Amino acid sequence: MRLVFAGTPDVAVPSLRALLDSDRHEVVAVVSRPDARTGRGRGLSRSPVAAAADAAGIEVLTPPNARDAGFAERLRELAPDAVPVVAYGHLVPRPVLEIPTHGWINLHFSLLPAWRGAAPVNAAIAAGDEVTGATTFRLDEGMDTGPVLGTMTETVRPRDTAGDLLGRLSESGAGLLVATLDGLEAGDLRPVPQPTDGVSHAGKLTVDDARVRWSDPALAVDRHIRSVTPAPGAWTKLGGERVKIGSARPAEETAPDLEPGRIAWDRKIVHVGTASAPMVLETIQPPGKRMMDALNWVRGARLDAEAAFE
């Protein structure tokens, strides 16, 4: 099939590469979000998908949004059979959805209708899901509400962070997307409406959402930290200053009885209290420093015996 690929972040790149490697499909252009200013110099930077398309010598379209008249005109000129989309970042209006023959085919990293929205992998880890997966579906004007074309499952491992799980899903999901487009081309797939039961939502995470609540039980604290790692990144406060939590785990060995947020340490381990058992703090990033081993941090931080995270 003749394809125009739509995507923006790193997790979309494996799908683009899989389609470029496919013998059955031709990617004639890529749609991505406009170049953004990043870094201290605030220079313009290409999105990961746009950069991958540049390297492959493919035309890149960067409209301000999918409602842009010039974008719709160019898409009609390209006459794609389908627009596969992975984390593009813009809602697509109906007239633009109807341009490709087979529509816009989205790869979403959950088993729909569970975890519709911007942060499905984060939500699955925070909720303690043992199994998640990916879904291909035909985009409509709703939020991840279109009819399903294919699914695959993925086990959530006990120590998975959102980054770990999303990395695996981006690779395995690329295969699902290619298989879905193969099936559409062959006429073997029929879209199936999503069930009305089991719907859940995973809104976009903010930095404020990533703050650790030490007043929660250890199991919830553990899931929360892993669900926001690496982005937006778990954080807490100590003495009014924000510090980042790189990794932590529920204590398995004998641990002191600590009030929520209270920090205790010996020569081998650092504990932080929760509403239940303590957490073992493994890595931490103090203000203005790099991520470091928690034991090295407490040795140099000269903490008060009553020190506690806020």
C-alpha atoms as a PDB file:
ATOM      1  CA  MET A   1       0.000   0.000   0.000  1.00  0.00           C
ATOM      2  CA  ARG A   2       0.939   3.616  -0.494  1.00  0.00           C
ATOM      3  CA  LEU A   3       1.418   5.115   2.983  1.00  0.00           C
ATOM      4  CA  VAL A   4       1.904   8.432   4.722  1.00  0.00           C
ATOM      5  CA  PHE A   5       3.213   7.789   8.240  1.00  0.00           C
ATOM      6  CA  ALA A   6       2.229  10.083  11.122  1.00  0.00           C
ATOM      7  CA  GLY A   7       4.209  10.140  14.368  1.00  0.00           C
ATOM      8  CA  THR A   8       6.465  12.258  16.536  1.00  0.00           C
ATOM      9  CA  PRO A   9       8.429  10.726  19.502  1.00  0.00           C
ATOM     10  CA  ASP A  10      11.028   7.971  19.805  1.00  0.00           C
ATOM     11  CA  VAL A  11       8.392   5.273  20.428  1.00  0.00           C
ATOM     12  CA  ALA A  12       7.035   5.834  16.894  1.00  0.00           C
ATOM     13  CA  VAL A  13      10.385   5.297  15.171  1.00  0.00           C
ATOM     14  CA  PRO A  14      10.364   1.441  15.300  1.00  0.00           C
ATOM     15  CA  SER A  15       7.022   1.449  13.446  1.00  0.00           C
ATOM     16  CA  LEU A  16       8.319   3.808  10.769  1.00  0.00           C
ATOM     17  CA  ARG A  17      11.422   1.663  10.287  1.00  0.00           C
ATOM     18  CA  ALA A  18       9.360  -1.531  10.104  1.00  0.00           C
ATOM     19  CA  LEU A  19       7.196  -0.013   7.371  1.00  0.00           C
ATOM     20  CA  LEU A  20      10.246   1.215   5.470  1.00  0.00           C
ATOM     21  CA  ASP A  21      11.621  -2.344   5.603  1.00  0.00           C
ATOM     22  CA  SER A  22       8.354  -3.882   4.402  1.00  0.00           C
ATOM     23  CA  ASP A  23       8.255  -5.297   0.875  1.00  0.00           C
ATOM     24  CA  ARG A  24       4.511  -4.728   0.596  1.00  0.00           C
ATOM     25  CA  HIS A  25       4.246  -1.040   1.472  1.00  0.00           C
ATOM     26  CA  GLU A  26       5.732   2.251   0.299  1.00  0.00           C
ATOM     27  CA  VAL A  27       6.087   5.182   2.715  1.00  0.00           C
ATOM     28  CA  VAL A  28       5.842   8.252   0.459  1.00  0.00           C
ATOM     29  CA  ALA A  29       5.856  10.905   3.214  1.00  0.00           C
ATOM     30  CA  VAL A  30       5.879  11.425   6.970  1.00  0.00           C
ATOM     31  CA  VAL A  31       3.767  13.772   9.098  1.00  0.00           C
ATOM     32  CA  SER A  32       5.219  14.973  12.395  1.00  0.00           C
ATOM     33  CA  ARG A  33       4.857  17.826  14.829  1.00  0.00           C
ATOM     34  CA  PRO A  34       6.753  21.019  13.963  1.00  0.00           C
ATOM     35  CA  ASP A  35      10.366  21.476  15.019  1.00  0.00           C
ATOM     36  CA  ALA A  36      10.589  22.542  18.662  1.00  0.00           C
ATOM     37  CA  ARG A  37      13.047  24.737  20.538  1.00  0.00           C
ATOM     38  CA  THR A  38      15.065  22.684  23.007  1.00  0.00           C
ATOM     39  CA  GLY A  39      18.182  22.916  25.149  1.00  0.00           C
ATOM     40  CA  ARG A  40      19.846  25.909  26.719  1.00  0.00           C
ATOM     41  CA  GLY A  41      20.474  27.499  23.354  1.00  0.00           C
ATOM     42  CA  ARG A  42      16.792  27.112  22.448  1.00  0.00           C
ATOM     43  CA  GLY A  43      17.735  25.913  18.983  1.00  0.00           C
ATOM     44  CA  LEU A  44      15.198  24.214  16.730  1.00  0.00           C
ATOM     45  CA  SER A  45      15.207  20.432  16.933  1.00  0.00           C
ATOM     46  CA  ARG A  46      13.566  17.853  14.685  1.00  0.00           C
ATOM     47  CA  SER A  47      11.249  15.277  16.218  1.00  0.00           C
ATOM     48  CA  PRO A  48      12.701  11.743  16.327  1.00  0.00           C
ATOM     49  CA  VAL A  49      10.309  10.624  13.573  1.00  0.00           C
ATOM     50  CA  ALA A  50      11.144  13.599  11.353  1.00  0.00           C
ATOM     51  CA  ALA A  51      14.852  12.947  11.861  1.00  0.00           C
ATOM     52  CA  ALA A  52      14.416   9.275  10.893  1.00  0.00           C
ATOM     53  CA  ALA A  53      12.489  10.315   7.783  1.00  0.00           C
ATOM     54  CA  ASP A  54      15.200  12.820   6.850  1.00  0.00           C
ATOM     55  CA  ALA A  55      17.793  10.040   7.094  1.00  0.00           C
ATOM     56  CA  ALA A  56      15.677   7.878   4.788  1.00  0.00           C
ATOM     57  CA  GLY A  57      15.203  10.691   2.259  1.00  0.00           C
ATOM     58  CA  ILE A  58      11.444  10.900   2.747  1.00  0.00           C
ATOM     59  CA  GLU A  59       9.350  14.058   2.498  1.00  0.00           C
ATOM     60  CA  VAL A  60       8.396  15.414   5.936  1.00  0.00           C
ATOM     61  CA  LEU A  61       5.233  17.427   6.545  1.00  0.00           C
ATOM     62  CA  THR A  62       5.124  19.483   9.762  1.00  0.00           C
ATOM     63  CA  PRO A  63       1.780  21.319   9.804  1.00  0.00           C
ATOM     64  CA  PRO A  64       0.900  23.307  12.947  1.00  0.00           C
ATOM     65  CA  ASN A  65      -2.009  20.879  13.378  1.00  0.00           C
ATOM     66  CA  ALA A  66      -4.024  18.382  11.348  1.00  0.00           C
ATOM     67  CA  ARG A  67      -6.657  21.016  10.571  1.00  0.00           C
ATOM     68  CA  ASP A  68      -4.219  23.015   8.470  1.00  0.00           C
ATOM     69  CA  ALA A  69      -5.677  23.563   4.975  1.00  0.00           C
ATOM     70  CA  GLY A  70      -2.311  23.267   3.275  1.00  0.00           C
ATOM     71  CA  PHE A  71      -1.680  19.928   4.957  1.00  0.00           C
ATOM     72  CA  ALA A  72      -5.031  18.513   3.832  1.00  0.00           C
ATOM     73  CA  GLU A  73      -4.319  19.631   0.259  1.00  0.00           C
ATOM     74  CA  ARG A  74      -0.887  17.990   0.237  1.00  0.00           C
ATOM     75  CA  LEU A  75      -2.274  14.788   1.740  1.00  0.00           C
ATOM     76  CA  ARG A  76      -4.824  14.609  -1.070  1.00  0.00           C
ATOM     77  CA  GLU A  77      -2.031  15.087  -3.612  1.00  0.00           C
ATOM     78  CA  LEU A  78      -0.063  12.230  -2.032  1.00  0.00           C
ATOM     79  CA  ALA A  79      -3.192  10.010  -2.317  1.00  0.00           C
ATOM     80  CA  PRO A  80      -2.267   7.468   0.387  1.00  0.00           C
ATOM     81  CA  ASP A  81      -4.098   4.182   0.760  1.00  0.00           C
ATOM     82  CA  ALA A  82      -3.687   4.522   4.537  1.00  0.00           C
ATOM     83  CA  VAL A  83      -2.078   6.749   7.158  1.00  0.00           C
ATOM     84  CA  PRO A  84      -0.529   4.608   9.908  1.00  0.00           C
ATOM     85  CA  VAL A  85      -0.153   6.732  13.031  1.00  0.00           C
ATOM     86  CA  VAL A  86       1.820   6.256  16.255  1.00  0.00           C
ATOM     87  CA  ALA A  87       1.792   9.006  18.897  1.00  0.00           C
ATOM     88  CA  TYR A  88       1.389  11.819  16.384  1.00  0.00           C
ATOM     89  CA  GLY A  89       0.115  14.277  18.994  1.00  0.00           C
ATOM     90  CA  HIS A  90      -2.760  16.052  17.222  1.00  0.00           C
ATOM     91  CA  LEU A  91      -6.469  15.273  16.863  1.00  0.00           C
ATOM     92  CA  VAL A  92      -7.466  14.701  13.255  1.00  0.00           C
ATOM     93  CA  PRO A  93     -10.730  16.182  11.887  1.00  0.00           C
ATOM     94  CA  ARG A  94     -13.168  14.036   9.935  1.00  0.00           C
ATOM     95  CA  PRO A  95     -12.456  15.516   6.464  1.00  0.00           C
ATOM     96  CA  VAL A  96      -8.770  14.652   6.878  1.00  0.00           C
ATOM     97  CA  LEU A  97      -9.553  11.209   8.326  1.00  0.00           C
ATOM     98  CA  GLU A  98     -11.494  10.433   5.157  1.00  0.00           C
ATOM     99  CA  ILE A  99      -8.700  11.259   2.696  1.00  0.00           C
ATOM    100  CA  PRO A 100      -6.885   7.882   2.710  1.00  0.00           C
ATOM    101  CA  THR A 101      -8.810   4.912   1.292  1.00  0.00           C
ATOM    102  CA  HIS A 102      -8.404   2.799   4.442  1.00  0.00           C
ATOM    103  CA  GLY A 103      -8.366   5.723   6.868  1.00  0.00           C
ATOM    104  CA  TRP A 104      -5.864   6.527   9.606  1.00  0.00           C
ATOM    105  CA  ILE A 105      -4.703   3.336  11.333  1.00  0.00           C
ATOM    106  CA  ASN A 106      -3.523   4.012  14.879  1.00  0.00           C
ATOM    107  CA  LEU A 107      -1.194   1.912  17.029  1.00  0.00           C
ATOM    108  CA  HIS A 108      -2.134   2.470  20.686  1.00  0.00           C
ATOM    109  CA  PHE A 109      -0.197   0.988  23.603  1.00  0.00           C
ATOM    110  CA  SER A 110      -3.010  -0.643  25.579  1.00  0.00           C
ATOM    111  CA  LEU A 111      -5.697  -3.276  25.113  1.00  0.00           C
ATOM    112  CA  LEU A 112      -8.584  -1.016  24.180  1.00  0.00           C
ATOM    113  CA  PRO A 113     -11.038   0.013  25.533  1.00  0.00           C
ATOM    114  CA  ALA A 114      -8.741  -0.035  28.591  1.00  0.00           C
ATOM    115  CA  TRP A 115      -6.585   3.055  29.063  1.00  0.00           C
ATOM    116  CA  ARG A 116      -7.728   5.333  26.300  1.00  0.00           C
ATOM    117  CA  GLY A 117      -5.739   8.550  26.243  1.00  0.00           C
ATOM    118  CA  ALA A 118      -2.226   9.957  26.291  1.00  0.00           C
ATOM    119  CA  ALA A 119      -0.498   7.839  28.970  1.00  0.00           C
ATOM    120  CA  PRO A 120      -1.745   4.226  28.758  1.00  0.00           C
ATOM    121  CA  VAL A 121       1.538   2.558  29.749  1.00  0.00           C
ATOM    122  CA  ASN A 122       1.967   4.783  32.797  1.00  0.00           C
ATOM    123  CA  ALA A 123      -1.610   4.057  33.852  1.00  0.00           C
ATOM    124  CA  ALA A 124      -1.198   0.297  33.466  1.00  0.00           C
ATOM    125  CA  ILE A 125       1.837   0.237  35.774  1.00  0.00           C
ATOM    126  CA  ALA A 126       0.251   2.573  38.328  1.00  0.00           C
ATOM    127  CA  ALA A 127      -2.856   0.354  38.440  1.00  0.00           C
ATOM    128  CA  GLY A 128      -0.816  -2.817  38.930  1.00  0.00           C
ATOM    129  CA  ASP A 129      -1.957  -4.440  35.676  1.00  0.00           C
ATOM    130  CA  GLU A 130      -0.215  -7.757  35.119  1.00  0.00           C
ATOM    131  CA  VAL A 131      -0.937  -7.837  31.379  1.00  0.00           C
ATOM    132  CA  THR A 132      -1.243  -5.023  28.876  1.00  0.00           C
ATOM    133  CA  GLY A 133      -0.574  -4.844  25.153  1.00  0.00           C
ATOM    134  CA  ALA A 134      -1.158  -2.858  21.984  1.00  0.00           C
ATOM    135  CA  THR A 135      -4.110  -2.288  19.702  1.00  0.00           C
ATOM    136  CA  THR A 136      -4.448  -1.182  16.100  1.00  0.00           C
ATOM    137  CA  PHE A 137      -7.682   0.586  15.267  1.00  0.00           C
ATOM    138  CA  ARG A 138      -9.195   2.938  12.722  1.00  0.00           C
ATOM    139  CA  LEU A 139      -9.181   6.506  13.993  1.00  0.00           C
ATOM    140  CA  ASP A 140     -12.452   8.350  14.360  1.00  0.00           C
ATOM    141  CA  GLU A 141     -13.128  11.742  15.925  1.00  0.00           C
ATOM    142  CA  GLY A 142     -13.274  10.340  19.470  1.00  0.00           C
ATOM    143  CA  MET A 143     -10.393   9.728  21.881  1.00  0.00           C
ATOM    144  CA  ASP A 144      -9.186   6.222  20.983  1.00  0.00           C
ATOM    145  CA  THR A 145     -12.766   5.071  20.332  1.00  0.00           C
ATOM    146  CA  GLY A 146     -12.474   3.710  16.780  1.00  0.00           C
ATOM    147  CA  PRO A 147     -13.079   0.104  15.697  1.00  0.00           C
ATOM    148  CA  VAL A 148     -10.335  -2.428  16.451  1.00  0.00           C
ATOM    149  CA  LEU A 149      -8.297  -4.162  13.753  1.00  0.00           C
ATOM    150  CA  GLY A 150      -5.710  -6.100  15.770  1.00  0.00           C
ATOM    151  CA  THR A 151      -4.282  -6.691  19.242  1.00  0.00           C
ATOM    152  CA  MET A 152      -1.238  -8.188  20.938  1.00  0.00           C
ATOM    153  CA  THR A 153      -0.480  -8.774  24.620  1.00  0.00           C
ATOM    154  CA  GLU A 154       2.574  -8.019  26.754  1.00  0.00           C
ATOM    155  CA  THR A 155       3.315  -9.101  30.323  1.00  0.00           C
ATOM    156  CA  VAL A 156       4.048  -6.315  32.788  1.00  0.00           C
ATOM    157  CA  ARG A 157       7.168  -7.412  34.662  1.00  0.00           C
ATOM    158  CA  PRO A 158       7.422  -6.828  38.418  1.00  0.00           C
ATOM    159  CA  ARG A 159      10.138  -4.150  38.178  1.00  0.00           C
ATOM    160  CA  ASP A 160       9.089  -2.565  34.870  1.00  0.00           C
ATOM    161  CA  THR A 161       9.236   1.194  34.629  1.00  0.00           C
ATOM    162  CA  ALA A 162       7.043   2.979  32.103  1.00  0.00           C
ATOM    163  CA  GLY A 163      10.140   3.391  29.943  1.00  0.00           C
ATOM    164  CA  ASP A 164      10.939  -0.343  30.056  1.00  0.00           C
ATOM    165  CA  LEU A 165       7.434  -1.408  29.112  1.00  0.00           C
ATOM    166  CA  LEU A 166       6.944   1.248  26.448  1.00  0.00           C
ATOM    167  CA  GLY A 167      10.258   0.287  24.866  1.00  0.00           C
ATOM    168  CA  ARG A 168       9.131  -3.327  24.448  1.00  0.00           C
ATOM    169  CA  LEU A 169       5.683  -2.331  23.202  1.00  0.00           C
ATOM    170  CA  SER A 170       7.111   0.058  20.631  1.00  0.00           C
ATOM    171  CA  GLU A 171       9.111  -2.787  19.094  1.00  0.00           C
ATOM    172  CA  SER A 172       6.464  -5.523  19.227  1.00  0.00           C
ATOM    173  CA  GLY A 173       3.722  -3.050  18.309  1.00  0.00           C
ATOM    174  CA  ALA A 174       5.585  -2.180  15.118  1.00  0.00           C
ATOM    175  CA  GLY A 175       5.082  -5.753  13.961  1.00  0.00           C
ATOM    176  CA  LEU A 176       1.386  -5.559  14.802  1.00  0.00           C
ATOM    177  CA  LEU A 177       1.027  -2.365  12.760  1.00  0.00           C
ATOM    178  CA  VAL A 178       2.707  -3.904   9.717  1.00  0.00           C
ATOM    179  CA  ALA A 179       0.562  -7.048  10.032  1.00  0.00           C
ATOM    180  CA  THR A 180      -2.573  -4.905  10.267  1.00  0.00           C
ATOM    181  CA  LEU A 181      -1.726  -3.030   7.082  1.00  0.00           C
ATOM    182  CA  ASP A 182      -0.910  -6.338   5.373  1.00  0.00           C
ATOM    183  CA  GLY A 183      -4.341  -7.626   6.367  1.00  0.00           C
ATOM    184  CA  LEU A 184      -6.126  -4.508   5.140  1.00  0.00           C
ATOM    185  CA  GLU A 185      -4.356  -4.713   1.803  1.00  0.00           C
ATOM    186  CA  ALA A 186      -5.300  -8.389   1.443  1.00  0.00           C
ATOM    187  CA  GLY A 187      -8.904  -7.710   2.485  1.00  0.00           C
ATOM    188  CA  ASP A 188      -8.623 -10.135   5.424  1.00  0.00           C
ATOM    189  CA  LEU A 189      -9.427  -7.686   8.230  1.00  0.00           C
ATOM    190  CA  ARG A 190     -12.743  -6.277   9.305  1.00  0.00           C
ATOM    191  CA  PRO A 191     -12.911  -3.568  11.990  1.00  0.00           C
ATOM    192  CA  VAL A 192     -14.705  -4.601  15.183  1.00  0.00           C
ATOM    193  CA  PRO A 193     -16.421  -1.953  17.359  1.00  0.00           C
ATOM    194  CA  GLN A 194     -14.930  -1.541  20.825  1.00  0.00           C
ATOM    195  CA  PRO A 195     -17.033  -2.950  23.699  1.00  0.00           C
ATOM    196  CA  THR A 196     -18.811  -0.513  25.958  1.00  0.00           C
ATOM    197  CA  ASP A 197     -17.625  -2.369  29.091  1.00  0.00           C
ATOM    198  CA  GLY A 198     -14.115  -2.044  30.482  1.00  0.00           C
ATOM    199  CA  VAL A 199     -13.499   1.526  29.383  1.00  0.00           C
ATOM    200  CA  SER A 200     -10.816   3.391  31.336  1.00  0.00           C
ATOM    201  CA  HIS A 201      -8.892   6.582  30.701  1.00  0.00           C
ATOM    202  CA  ALA A 202      -5.250   7.609  31.026  1.00  0.00           C
ATOM    203  CA  GLY A 203      -4.874  11.360  30.808  1.00  0.00           C
ATOM    204  CA  LYS A 204      -1.626  13.165  30.058  1.00  0.00           C
ATOM    205  CA  LEU A 205       0.693  13.264  33.072  1.00  0.00           C
ATOM    206  CA  THR A 206       2.008  16.531  34.464  1.00  0.00           C
ATOM    207  CA  VAL A 207       5.059  17.177  36.628  1.00  0.00           C
ATOM    208  CA  ASP A 208       2.752  17.719  39.593  1.00  0.00           C
ATOM    209  CA  ASP A 209       1.250  14.258  39.017  1.00  0.00           C
ATOM    210  CA  ALA A 210       4.704  12.725  39.472  1.00  0.00           C
ATOM    211  CA  ARG A 211       5.171  13.867  43.087  1.00  0.00           C
ATOM    212  CA  VAL A 212       5.625  10.905  45.436  1.00  0.00           C
ATOM    213  CA  ARG A 213       2.973  10.531  48.142  1.00  0.00           C
ATOM    214  CA  TRP A 214       4.813   8.866  51.019  1.00  0.00           C
ATOM    215  CA  SER A 215       1.507   8.692  52.918  1.00  0.00           C
ATOM    216  CA  ASP A 216       0.422   5.937  50.496  1.00  0.00           C
ATOM    217  CA  PRO A 217       1.215   2.252  51.182  1.00  0.00           C
ATOM    218  CA  ALA A 218       4.554   0.966  49.883  1.00  0.00           C
ATOM    219  CA  LEU A 219       2.936  -1.002  47.044  1.00  0.00           C
ATOM    220  CA  ALA A 220       1.253   2.135  45.708  1.00  0.00           C
ATOM    221  CA  VAL A 221       4.423   4.214  46.123  1.00  0.00           C
ATOM    222  CA  ASP A 222       6.407   1.592  44.213  1.00  0.00           C
ATOM    223  CA  ARG A 223       3.928   1.494  41.335  1.00  0.00           C
ATOM    224  CA  HIS A 224       3.727   5.261  41.217  1.00  0.00           C
ATOM    225  CA  ILE A 225       7.496   5.765  40.993  1.00  0.00           C
ATOM    226  CA  ARG A 226       7.845   3.157  38.261  1.00  0.00           C
ATOM    227  CA  SER A 227       4.858   4.566  36.370  1.00  0.00           C
ATOM    228  CA  VAL A 228       6.421   8.024  36.013  1.00  0.00           C
ATOM    229  CA  THR A 229       9.968   6.819  35.236  1.00  0.00           C
ATOM    230  CA  PRO A 230      11.660   8.163  33.181  1.00  0.00           C
ATOM    231  CA  ALA A 231       9.066  10.864  32.407  1.00  0.00           C
ATOM    232  CA  PRO A 232       7.819  13.072  33.926  1.00  0.00           C
ATOM    233  CA  GLY A 233      10.106  11.642  36.635  1.00  0.00           C
ATOM    234  CA  ALA A 234       9.264  10.949  40.281  1.00  0.00           C
ATOM    235  CA  TRP A 235      10.131  13.707  42.744  1.00  0.00           C
ATOM    236  CA  THR A 236       9.720  14.776  46.342  1.00  0.00           C
ATOM    237  CA  LYS A 237      10.881  17.613  48.571  1.00  0.00           C
ATOM    238  CA  LEU A 238      13.493  17.759  51.297  1.00  0.00           C
ATOM    239  CA  GLY A 239      13.929  20.961  53.262  1.00  0.00           C
ATOM    240  CA  GLY A 240      11.787  22.790  50.735  1.00  0.00           C
ATOM    241  CA  GLU A 241      13.956  21.735  47.774  1.00  0.00           C
ATOM    242  CA  ARG A 242      12.832  19.384  45.034  1.00  0.00           C
ATOM    243  CA  VAL A 243      14.782  16.150  44.620  1.00  0.00           C
ATOM    244  CA  LYS A 244      14.245  13.480  41.966  1.00  0.00           C
ATOM    245  CA  ILE A 245      13.745   9.827  42.848  1.00  0.00           C
ATOM    246  CA  GLY A 246      15.464   7.595  40.304  1.00  0.00           C
ATOM    247  CA  SER A 247      14.559   4.173  41.668  1.00  0.00           C
ATOM    248  CA  ALA A 248      13.194   2.610  44.829  1.00  0.00           C
ATOM    249  CA  ARG A 249      11.612  -0.686  45.860  1.00  0.00           C
ATOM    250  CA  PRO A 250       9.526  -2.036  48.725  1.00  0.00           C
ATOM    251  CA  ALA A 251      11.724  -3.374  51.532  1.00  0.00           C
ATOM    252  CA  GLU A 252      11.934  -7.156  51.523  1.00  0.00           C
ATOM    253  CA  GLU A 253      14.277  -7.587  54.456  1.00  0.00           C
ATOM    254  CA  THR A 254      13.750  -6.558  58.064  1.00  0.00           C
ATOM    255  CA  ALA A 255      13.205  -2.807  58.023  1.00  0.00           C
ATOM    256  CA  PRO A 256      12.676  -0.113  60.655  1.00  0.00           C
ATOM    257  CA  ASP A 257       9.204   1.165  61.475  1.00  0.00           C
ATOM    258  CA  LEU A 258       9.148   4.665  59.964  1.00  0.00           C
ATOM    259  CA  GLU A 259       6.547   7.379  59.613  1.00  0.00           C
ATOM    260  CA  PRO A 260       5.678   8.372  56.010  1.00  0.00           C
ATOM    261  CA  GLY A 261       8.569  10.237  54.394  1.00  0.00           C
ATOM    262  CA  ARG A 262      11.012   9.668  57.274  1.00  0.00           C
ATOM    263  CA  ILE A 263      14.534   8.773  56.086  1.00  0.00           C
ATOM    264  CA  ALA A 264      16.682   6.215  57.927  1.00  0.00           C
ATOM    265  CA  TRP A 265      19.974   4.629  56.909  1.00  0.00           C
ATOM    266  CA  ASP A 266      22.860   2.471  57.972  1.00  0.00           C
ATOM    267  CA  ARG A 267      26.065   1.433  56.206  1.00  0.00           C
ATOM    268  CA  LYS A 268      24.256  -0.748  53.687  1.00  0.00           C
ATOM    269  CA  ILE A 269      20.821   0.665  52.921  1.00  0.00           C
ATOM    270  CA  VAL A 270      18.561   3.737  52.893  1.00  0.00           C
ATOM    271  CA  HIS A 271      14.915   3.395  53.945  1.00  0.00           C
ATOM    272  CA  VAL A 272      12.018   5.830  53.523  1.00  0.00           C
ATOM    273  CA  GLY A 273       8.791   5.399  55.466  1.00  0.00           C
ATOM    274  CA  THR A 274       5.359   4.959  53.868  1.00  0.00           C
ATOM    275  CA  ALA A 275       1.891   4.223  55.218  1.00  0.00           C
ATOM    276  CA  SER A 276       2.911   0.557  55.407  1.00  0.00           C
ATOM    277  CA  ALA A 277       6.386  -0.988  55.087  1.00  0.00           C
ATOM    278  CA  PRO A 278       9.310   1.285  54.166  1.00  0.00           C
ATOM    279  CA  MET A 279      10.750   1.705  50.688  1.00  0.00           C
ATOM    280  CA  VAL A 280      14.403   1.050  49.919  1.00  0.00           C
ATOM    281  CA  LEU A 281      15.764   4.161  48.209  1.00  0.00           C
ATOM    282  CA  GLU A 282      18.229   3.139  45.489  1.00  0.00           C
ATOM    283  CA  THR A 283      19.038   6.244  43.431  1.00  0.00           C
ATOM    284  CA  ILE A 284      18.339   9.938  43.913  1.00  0.00           C
ATOM    285  CA  GLN A 285      19.162  13.228  42.199  1.00  0.00           C
ATOM    286  CA  PRO A 286      19.694  16.207  44.529  1.00  0.00           C
ATOM    287  CA  PRO A 287      19.259  19.736  43.147  1.00  0.00           C
ATOM    288  CA  GLY A 288      22.012  20.688  40.702  1.00  0.00           C
ATOM    289  CA  LYS A 289      23.607  17.223  40.705  1.00  0.00           C
ATOM    290  CA  ARG A 290      23.457  14.031  38.689  1.00  0.00           C
ATOM    291  CA  MET A 291      21.525  10.921  39.649  1.00  0.00           C
ATOM    292  CA  MET A 292      23.505   9.038  42.295  1.00  0.00           C
ATOM    293  CA  ASP A 293      23.476   6.028  44.570  1.00  0.00           C
ATOM    294  CA  ALA A 294      21.311   6.747  47.614  1.00  0.00           C
ATOM    295  CA  LEU A 295      23.960   5.559  50.082  1.00  0.00           C
ATOM    296  CA  ASN A 296      26.534   7.907  48.563  1.00  0.00           C
ATOM    297  CA  TRP A 297      23.989  10.694  48.815  1.00  0.00           C
ATOM    298  CA  VAL A 298      23.253  10.251  52.527  1.00  0.00           C
ATOM    299  CA  ARG A 299      26.969   9.999  53.312  1.00  0.00           C
ATOM    300  CA  GLY A 300      27.553  13.408  51.818  1.00  0.00           C
ATOM    301  CA  ALA A 301      24.279  15.156  52.596  1.00  0.00           C
ATOM    302  CA  ARG A 302      24.792  15.401  56.374  1.00  0.00           C
ATOM    303  CA  LEU A 303      21.113  14.794  57.028  1.00  0.00           C
ATOM    304  CA  ASP A 304      19.535  15.525  60.343  1.00  0.00           C
ATOM    305  CA  ALA A 305      18.476  12.469  62.304  1.00  0.00           C
ATOM    306  CA  GLU A 306      14.852  13.592  61.900  1.00  0.00           C
ATOM    307  CA  ALA A 307      15.126  14.190  58.127  1.00  0.00           C
ATOM    308  CA  ALA A 308      12.032  13.394  56.131  1.00  0.00           C
ATOM    309  CA  PHE A 309      10.796  13.827  52.584  1.00  0.00           C
ATOM    310  CA  GLU A 310       7.787  16.085  52.223  1.00  0.00           C
END
